[in-house]
Amino acid sequence: MSGKLLRTIGQAQANFAMTMMAACYNLKRLVYFLEAGIEAFRRPK
């Protein structure tokens, strides 16, 4: 998850690449939290 270098042509492709990197990072983080039993993202019943 470096994100230091983008090998894209154009602003639209760079924006898309950054959005995908951020989404992947957030999904990996969510999976880690769920496996660790951290329930910060769940609503109380």
PDB file of N, CA and C in Angstrom:
ATOM      1  N   MET A   1       0.827  -1.182   0.000  1.00  0.00           N
ATOM      2  CA  MET A   1       0.000   0.000   0.000  1.00  0.00           C
ATOM      3  C   MET A   1       0.871   1.246   0.000  1.00  0.00           C
ATOM      4  N   SER A   2       1.717   1.365  -0.978  1.00  0.00           N
ATOM      5  CA  SER A   2       2.615   2.513  -0.976  1.00  0.00           C
ATOM      6  C   SER A   2       1.894   3.782  -1.392  1.00  0.00           C
ATOM      7  N   GLY A   3       1.349   3.824  -2.582  1.00  0.00           N
ATOM      8  CA  GLY A   3       0.639   4.991  -3.040  1.00  0.00           C
ATOM      9  C   GLY A   3       1.531   6.185  -3.330  1.00  0.00           C
ATOM     10  N   LYS A   4       2.831   5.966  -3.397  1.00  0.00           N
ATOM     11  CA  LYS A   4       3.757   7.070  -3.631  1.00  0.00           C
ATOM     12  C   LYS A   4       3.921   7.384  -5.107  1.00  0.00           C
ATOM     13  N   LEU A   5       3.649   6.409  -5.951  1.00  0.00           N
ATOM     14  CA  LEU A   5       3.856   6.593  -7.373  1.00  0.00           C
ATOM     15  C   LEU A   5       2.654   6.047  -8.125  1.00  0.00           C
ATOM     16  N   LEU A   6       2.117   6.850  -9.017  1.00  0.00           N
ATOM     17  CA  LEU A   6       1.016   6.417  -9.869  1.00  0.00           C
ATOM     18  C   LEU A   6       1.510   6.375 -11.303  1.00  0.00           C
ATOM     19  N   ARG A   7       1.316   5.250 -11.935  1.00  0.00           N
ATOM     20  CA  ARG A   7       1.721   5.135 -13.330  1.00  0.00           C
ATOM     21  C   ARG A   7       0.473   5.190 -14.198  1.00  0.00           C
ATOM     22  N   THR A   8      -0.118   6.366 -14.263  1.00  0.00           N
ATOM     23  CA  THR A   8      -1.313   6.572 -15.076  1.00  0.00           C
ATOM     24  C   THR A   8      -1.101   7.782 -15.970  1.00  0.00           C
ATOM     25  N   ILE A   9      -1.940   7.856 -16.973  1.00  0.00           N
ATOM     26  CA  ILE A   9      -1.920   9.015 -17.862  1.00  0.00           C
ATOM     27  C   ILE A   9      -3.239   9.747 -17.668  1.00  0.00           C
ATOM     28  N   GLY A  10      -3.177  10.971 -17.197  1.00  0.00           N
ATOM     29  CA  GLY A  10      -4.374  11.781 -17.036  1.00  0.00           C
ATOM     30  C   GLY A  10      -4.859  11.842 -15.607  1.00  0.00           C
ATOM     31  N   GLN A  11      -5.540  12.939 -15.313  1.00  0.00           N
ATOM     32  CA  GLN A  11      -6.049  13.174 -13.967  1.00  0.00           C
ATOM     33  C   GLN A  11      -7.169  12.201 -13.604  1.00  0.00           C
ATOM     34  N   ALA A  12      -8.034  11.883 -14.551  1.00  0.00           N
ATOM     35  CA  ALA A  12      -9.157  10.989 -14.269  1.00  0.00           C
ATOM     36  C   ALA A  12      -8.659   9.591 -13.883  1.00  0.00           C
ATOM     37  N   GLN A  13      -7.668   9.079 -14.585  1.00  0.00           N
ATOM     38  CA  GLN A  13      -7.129   7.761 -14.256  1.00  0.00           C
ATOM     39  C   GLN A  13      -6.403   7.789 -12.922  1.00  0.00           C
ATOM     40  N   ALA A  14      -5.720   8.880 -12.627  1.00  0.00           N
ATOM     41  CA  ALA A  14      -5.027   8.994 -11.350  1.00  0.00           C
ATOM     42  C   ALA A  14      -6.030   9.038 -10.201  1.00  0.00           C
ATOM     43  N   ASN A  15      -7.117   9.776 -10.384  1.00  0.00           N
ATOM     44  CA  ASN A  15      -8.160   9.827  -9.353  1.00  0.00           C
ATOM     45  C   ASN A  15      -8.768   8.454  -9.132  1.00  0.00           C
ATOM     46  N   PHE A  16      -9.027   7.741 -10.214  1.00  0.00           N
ATOM     47  CA  PHE A  16      -9.590   6.404 -10.096  1.00  0.00           C
ATOM     48  C   PHE A  16      -8.628   5.462  -9.372  1.00  0.00           C
ATOM     49  N   ALA A  17      -7.351   5.534  -9.719  1.00  0.00           N
ATOM     50  CA  ALA A  17      -6.356   4.673  -9.081  1.00  0.00           C
ATOM     51  C   ALA A  17      -6.261   4.959  -7.588  1.00  0.00           C
ATOM     52  N   MET A  18      -6.277   6.225  -7.203  1.00  0.00           N
ATOM     53  CA  MET A  18      -6.206   6.584  -5.780  1.00  0.00           C
ATOM     54  C   MET A  18      -7.458   6.121  -5.043  1.00  0.00           C
ATOM     55  N   THR A  19      -8.615   6.241  -5.684  1.00  0.00           N
ATOM     56  CA  THR A  19      -9.864   5.789  -5.075  1.00  0.00           C
ATOM     57  C   THR A  19      -9.838   4.280  -4.850  1.00  0.00           C
ATOM     58  N   MET A  20      -9.336   3.533  -5.827  1.00  0.00           N
ATOM     59  CA  MET A  20      -9.259   2.080  -5.690  1.00  0.00           C
ATOM     60  C   MET A  20      -8.272   1.680  -4.592  1.00  0.00           C
ATOM     61  N   MET A  21      -7.136   2.386  -4.509  1.00  0.00           N
ATOM     62  CA  MET A  21      -6.169   2.080  -3.441  1.00  0.00           C
ATOM     63  C   MET A  21      -6.772   2.342  -2.074  1.00  0.00           C
ATOM     64  N   ALA A  22      -7.502   3.433  -1.935  1.00  0.00           N
ATOM     65  CA  ALA A  22      -8.121   3.761  -0.654  1.00  0.00           C
ATOM     66  C   ALA A  22      -9.208   2.750  -0.300  1.00  0.00           C
ATOM     67  N   ALA A  23     -10.001   2.336  -1.294  1.00  0.00           N
ATOM     68  CA  ALA A  23     -11.061   1.356  -1.048  1.00  0.00           C
ATOM     69  C   ALA A  23     -10.472   0.014  -0.627  1.00  0.00           C
ATOM     70  N   CYS A  24      -9.414  -0.422  -1.289  1.00  0.00           N
ATOM     71  CA  CYS A  24      -8.768  -1.694  -0.927  1.00  0.00           C
ATOM     72  C   CYS A  24      -8.185  -1.629   0.480  1.00  0.00           C
ATOM     73  N   TYR A  25      -7.559  -0.520   0.812  1.00  0.00           N
ATOM     74  CA  TYR A  25      -7.002  -0.352   2.151  1.00  0.00           C
ATOM     75  C   TYR A  25      -8.109  -0.431   3.202  1.00  0.00           C
ATOM     76  N   ASN A  26      -9.209   0.259   2.953  1.00  0.00           N
ATOM     77  CA  ASN A  26     -10.300   0.270   3.920  1.00  0.00           C
ATOM     78  C   ASN A  26     -10.946  -1.103   4.064  1.00  0.00           C
ATOM     79  N   LEU A  27     -11.073  -1.850   2.973  1.00  0.00           N
ATOM     80  CA  LEU A  27     -11.634  -3.198   3.056  1.00  0.00           C
ATOM     81  C   LEU A  27     -10.717  -4.135   3.842  1.00  0.00           C
ATOM     82  N   LYS A  28      -9.404  -4.042   3.599  1.00  0.00           N
ATOM     83  CA  LYS A  28      -8.457  -4.862   4.358  1.00  0.00           C
ATOM     84  C   LYS A  28      -8.520  -4.523   5.843  1.00  0.00           C
ATOM     85  N   ARG A  29      -8.644  -3.250   6.143  1.00  0.00           N
ATOM     86  CA  ARG A  29      -8.726  -2.817   7.535  1.00  0.00           C
ATOM     87  C   ARG A  29     -10.013  -3.317   8.183  1.00  0.00           C
ATOM     88  N   LEU A  30     -11.121  -3.264   7.457  1.00  0.00           N
ATOM     89  CA  LEU A  30     -12.391  -3.762   7.977  1.00  0.00           C
ATOM     90  C   LEU A  30     -12.315  -5.253   8.273  1.00  0.00           C
ATOM     91  N   VAL A  31     -11.728  -6.025   7.359  1.00  0.00           N
ATOM     92  CA  VAL A  31     -11.588  -7.464   7.575  1.00  0.00           C
ATOM     93  C   VAL A  31     -10.743  -7.732   8.815  1.00  0.00           C
ATOM     94  N   TYR A  32      -9.666  -6.979   8.994  1.00  0.00           N
ATOM     95  CA  TYR A  32      -8.830  -7.150  10.176  1.00  0.00           C
ATOM     96  C   TYR A  32      -9.634  -6.877  11.449  1.00  0.00           C
ATOM     97  N   PHE A  33     -10.403  -5.808  11.457  1.00  0.00           N
ATOM     98  CA  PHE A  33     -11.194  -5.468  12.644  1.00  0.00           C
ATOM     99  C   PHE A  33     -12.231  -6.538  12.940  1.00  0.00           C
ATOM    100  N   LEU A  34     -12.888  -7.031  11.907  1.00  0.00           N
ATOM    101  CA  LEU A  34     -13.903  -8.061  12.121  1.00  0.00           C
ATOM    102  C   LEU A  34     -13.288  -9.348  12.634  1.00  0.00           C
ATOM    103  N   GLU A  35     -12.134  -9.748  12.101  1.00  0.00           N
ATOM    104  CA  GLU A  35     -11.471 -10.969  12.563  1.00  0.00           C
ATOM    105  C   GLU A  35     -10.930 -10.811  13.972  1.00  0.00           C
ATOM    106  N   ALA A  36     -10.526  -9.599  14.336  1.00  0.00           N
ATOM    107  CA  ALA A  36     -10.000  -9.352  15.674  1.00  0.00           C
ATOM    108  C   ALA A  36     -11.113  -9.219  16.707  1.00  0.00           C
ATOM    109  N   GLY A  37     -12.354  -9.167  16.259  1.00  0.00           N
ATOM    110  CA  GLY A  37     -13.477  -9.064  17.177  1.00  0.00           C
ATOM    111  C   GLY A  37     -13.765  -7.644  17.625  1.00  0.00           C
ATOM    112  N   ILE A  38     -13.227  -6.673  16.937  1.00  0.00           N
ATOM    113  CA  ILE A  38     -13.476  -5.278  17.277  1.00  0.00           C
ATOM    114  C   ILE A  38     -14.812  -4.882  16.670  1.00  0.00           C
ATOM    115  N   GLU A  39     -15.724  -4.418  17.508  1.00  0.00           N
ATOM    116  CA  GLU A  39     -17.072  -4.126  17.038  1.00  0.00           C
ATOM    117  C   GLU A  39     -17.358  -2.636  17.026  1.00  0.00           C
ATOM    118  N   ALA A  40     -16.403  -1.847  16.616  1.00  0.00           N
ATOM    119  CA  ALA A  40     -16.577  -0.391  16.583  1.00  0.00           C
ATOM    120  C   ALA A  40     -17.503   0.036  15.446  1.00  0.00           C
ATOM    121  N   PHE A  41     -17.699  -0.830  14.449  1.00  0.00           N
ATOM    122  CA  PHE A  41     -18.474  -0.454  13.286  1.00  0.00           C
ATOM    123  C   PHE A  41     -19.908  -0.963  13.331  1.00  0.00           C
ATOM    124  N   ARG A  42     -20.254  -1.688  14.374  1.00  0.00           N
ATOM    125  CA  ARG A  42     -21.606  -2.261  14.447  1.00  0.00           C
ATOM    126  C   ARG A  42     -22.485  -1.414  15.344  1.00  0.00           C
ATOM    127  N   ARG A  43     -23.741  -1.331  14.961  1.00  0.00           N
ATOM    128  CA  ARG A  43     -24.695  -0.561  15.751  1.00  0.00           C
ATOM    129  C   ARG A  43     -25.151  -1.383  16.941  1.00  0.00           C
ATOM    130  N   PRO A  44     -25.362  -0.744  18.065  1.00  0.00           N
ATOM    131  CA  PRO A  44     -25.891  -1.491  19.220  1.00  0.00           C
ATOM    132  C   PRO A  44     -27.322  -1.928  18.951  1.00  0.00           C
ATOM    133  N   LYS A  45     -27.677  -3.050  19.484  1.00  0.00           N
ATOM    134  CA  LYS A  45     -29.040  -3.588  19.270  1.00  0.00           C
ATOM    135  C   LYS A  45     -29.994  -3.046  20.282  1.00  0.00           C
TER     136      LYS A  45
END
